[in-house]
C-alpha atoms as a PDB file:
ATOM      1  CA  MET A   1       9.627  27.106 -22.242  1.00  0.00           C
ATOM      2  CA  ALA A   2       9.251  23.478 -22.982  1.00  0.00           C
ATOM      3  CA  LYS A   3       6.833  21.626 -21.032  1.00  0.00           C
ATOM      4  CA  GLN A   4       8.222  19.042 -18.667  1.00  0.00           C
ATOM      5  CA  PRO A   5       7.230  15.488 -19.237  1.00  0.00           C
ATOM      6  CA  LYS A   6       4.689  13.913 -16.880  1.00  0.00           C
ATOM      7  CA  SER A   7       6.168  11.748 -14.224  1.00  0.00           C
ATOM      8  CA  ILE A   8       5.156   7.926 -13.687  1.00  0.00           C
ATOM      9  CA  VAL A   9       2.991   8.853 -10.711  1.00  0.00           C
ATOM     10  CA  ASP A  10       1.145  11.571 -12.533  1.00  0.00           C
ATOM     11  CA  ILE A  11       0.320   8.883 -15.285  1.00  0.00           C
ATOM     12  CA  ALA A  12      -0.670   6.299 -12.966  1.00  0.00           C
ATOM     13  CA  LYS A  13      -3.065   9.103 -11.224  1.00  0.00           C
ATOM     14  CA  GLU A  14      -4.702   9.930 -14.356  1.00  0.00           C
ATOM     15  CA  ILE A  15      -5.254   6.320 -15.369  1.00  0.00           C
ATOM     16  CA  ILE A  16      -6.793   5.711 -11.986  1.00  0.00           C
ATOM     17  CA  ASN A  17      -8.912   8.701 -12.431  1.00  0.00           C
ATOM     18  CA  SER A  18      -9.936   8.700  -8.538  1.00  0.00           C
ATOM     19  CA  ASP A  19      -8.435  10.680  -5.358  1.00  0.00           C
ATOM     20  CA  SER A  20      -9.394   7.486  -3.203  1.00  0.00           C
ATOM     21  CA  TYR A  21      -6.477   5.420  -4.513  1.00  0.00           C
ATOM     22  CA  THR A  22      -2.521   6.616  -3.561  1.00  0.00           C
ATOM     23  CA  VAL A  23       0.331   6.211  -5.939  1.00  0.00           C
ATOM     24  CA  SER A  24       3.979   6.190  -4.654  1.00  0.00           C
ATOM     25  CA  LEU A  25       7.267   5.620  -6.342  1.00  0.00           C
ATOM     26  CA  TRP A  26       9.779   3.575  -4.551  1.00  0.00           C
ATOM     27  CA  GLU A  27      13.323   3.578  -5.285  1.00  0.00           C
ATOM     28  CA  LYS A  28      16.283   1.805  -4.057  1.00  0.00           C
ATOM     29  CA  GLY A  29      19.625   1.652  -5.979  1.00  0.00           C
ATOM     30  CA  ASP A  30      18.657   0.963  -9.585  1.00  0.00           C
ATOM     31  CA  LYS A  31      15.389  -0.939  -8.571  1.00  0.00           C
ATOM     32  CA  LYS A  32      12.161   1.113  -8.831  1.00  0.00           C
ATOM     33  CA  ARG A  33       8.641   0.263  -8.179  1.00  0.00           C
ATOM     34  CA  LEU A  34       5.501   2.062  -8.496  1.00  0.00           C
ATOM     35  CA  TYR A  35       3.084   1.109  -5.557  1.00  0.00           C
ATOM     36  CA  ILE A  36      -0.962   1.507  -5.612  1.00  0.00           C
ATOM     37  CA  ASN A  37      -3.044   1.614  -2.566  1.00  0.00           C
ATOM     38  CA  ALA A  38      -6.832   1.658  -2.304  1.00  0.00           C
ATOM     39  CA  PRO A  39      -9.029   2.662   0.527  1.00  0.00           C
ATOM     40  CA  TYR A  40     -10.134   0.053   2.909  1.00  0.00           C
ATOM     41  CA  GLU A  41     -12.376  -0.146   5.955  1.00  0.00           C
ATOM     42  CA  SER A  42     -11.963   2.883   8.733  1.00  0.00           C
ATOM     43  CA  ARG A  43      -9.791   5.201   6.750  1.00  0.00           C
ATOM     44  CA  ALA A  44      -7.051   2.877   6.291  1.00  0.00           C
ATOM     45  CA  TYR A  45      -5.319   1.562   2.983  1.00  0.00           C
ATOM     46  CA  ALA A  46      -5.006  -1.784   1.806  1.00  0.00           C
ATOM     47  CA  LYS A  47      -2.190  -2.723  -0.587  1.00  0.00           C
ATOM     48  CA  VAL A  48      -3.282  -3.027  -4.079  1.00  0.00           C
ATOM     49  CA  GLY A  49      -0.083  -4.210  -5.591  1.00  0.00           C
ATOM     50  CA  TYR A  50       2.872  -2.882  -7.203  1.00  0.00           C
ATOM     51  CA  ILE A  51       4.584  -2.622 -10.916  1.00  0.00           C
ATOM     52  CA  ASP A  52       8.094  -3.368 -11.138  1.00  0.00           C
ATOM     53  CA  LEU A  53       9.513  -0.603 -13.247  1.00  0.00           C
ATOM     54  CA  ASN A  54      12.396  -2.529 -14.193  1.00  0.00           C
ATOM     55  CA  THR A  55      10.508  -5.436 -15.473  1.00  0.00           C
ATOM     56  CA  GLY A  56       7.137  -4.244 -16.070  1.00  0.00           C
ATOM     57  CA  ARG A  57       5.789  -7.017 -14.256  1.00  0.00           C
ATOM     58  CA  THR A  58       2.710  -6.196 -12.122  1.00  0.00           C
ATOM     59  CA  PHE A  59       2.398  -7.901  -8.455  1.00  0.00           C
ATOM     60  CA  CYS A  60      -1.492  -7.976  -7.439  1.00  0.00           C
ATOM     61  CA  GLU A  61      -1.512  -7.953  -3.508  1.00  0.00           C
ATOM     62  CA  VAL A  62      -5.188  -9.103  -3.606  1.00  0.00           C
ATOM     63  CA  HIS A  63      -4.654 -12.932  -3.942  1.00  0.00           C
ATOM     64  CA  GLU A  64      -8.244 -13.680  -4.541  1.00  0.00           C
ATOM     65  CA  THR A  65      -8.623 -12.759  -8.399  1.00  0.00           C
ATOM     66  CA  ARG A  66     -11.927 -14.487  -8.563  1.00  0.00           C
ATOM     67  CA  THR A  67     -13.336 -11.675  -6.572  1.00  0.00           C
ATOM     68  CA  SER A  68     -14.601  -8.718  -8.264  1.00  0.00           C
ATOM     69  CA  ARG A  69     -12.371  -6.353  -6.188  1.00  0.00           C
ATOM     70  CA  GLY A  70      -9.324  -8.795  -7.213  1.00  0.00           C
ATOM     71  CA  ARG A  71     -10.210  -8.432 -10.597  1.00  0.00           C
ATOM     72  CA  GLU A  72     -10.608  -4.957 -10.614  1.00  0.00           C
ATOM     73  CA  TYR A  73      -6.997  -4.248  -9.022  1.00  0.00           C
ATOM     74  CA  ALA A  74      -5.491  -6.577 -11.514  1.00  0.00           C
ATOM     75  CA  SER A  75      -6.885  -5.025 -14.127  1.00  0.00           C
ATOM     76  CA  LEU A  76      -5.755  -1.672 -12.796  1.00  0.00           C
ATOM     77  CA  LEU A  77      -2.211  -2.531 -12.625  1.00  0.00           C
ATOM     78  CA  ASN A  78      -2.163  -4.122 -15.932  1.00  0.00           C
ATOM     79  CA  ASN A  79      -3.615  -0.830 -17.402  1.00  0.00           C
ATOM     80  CA  ILE A  80      -1.254   1.295 -15.897  1.00  0.00           C
ATOM     81  CA  ALA A  81       1.714  -1.033 -16.698  1.00  0.00           C
ATOM     82  CA  THR A  82       0.678  -0.770 -20.287  1.00  0.00           C
ATOM     83  CA  ALA A  83       0.472   3.033 -20.151  1.00  0.00           C
ATOM     84  CA  ILE A  84       3.807   3.497 -18.623  1.00  0.00           C
END
């Protein structure tokens, strides 16, 4: 039996390589986005950002890309966008 191709969510999870982040696929009509969330204080999740799967553009929710966390999130989104 032929192997099923990996889903975009599975590919993103492999790149992240951490159970701490959550990955979800959003679809509405012909629009698709891949959302990435990171652990935050008191067991909540903060939006890292999303990748517009129609255009390949990344949108980082952390506006201060000068901070190490902001740079980490922006780099993570770019790595995933490049791989998918």
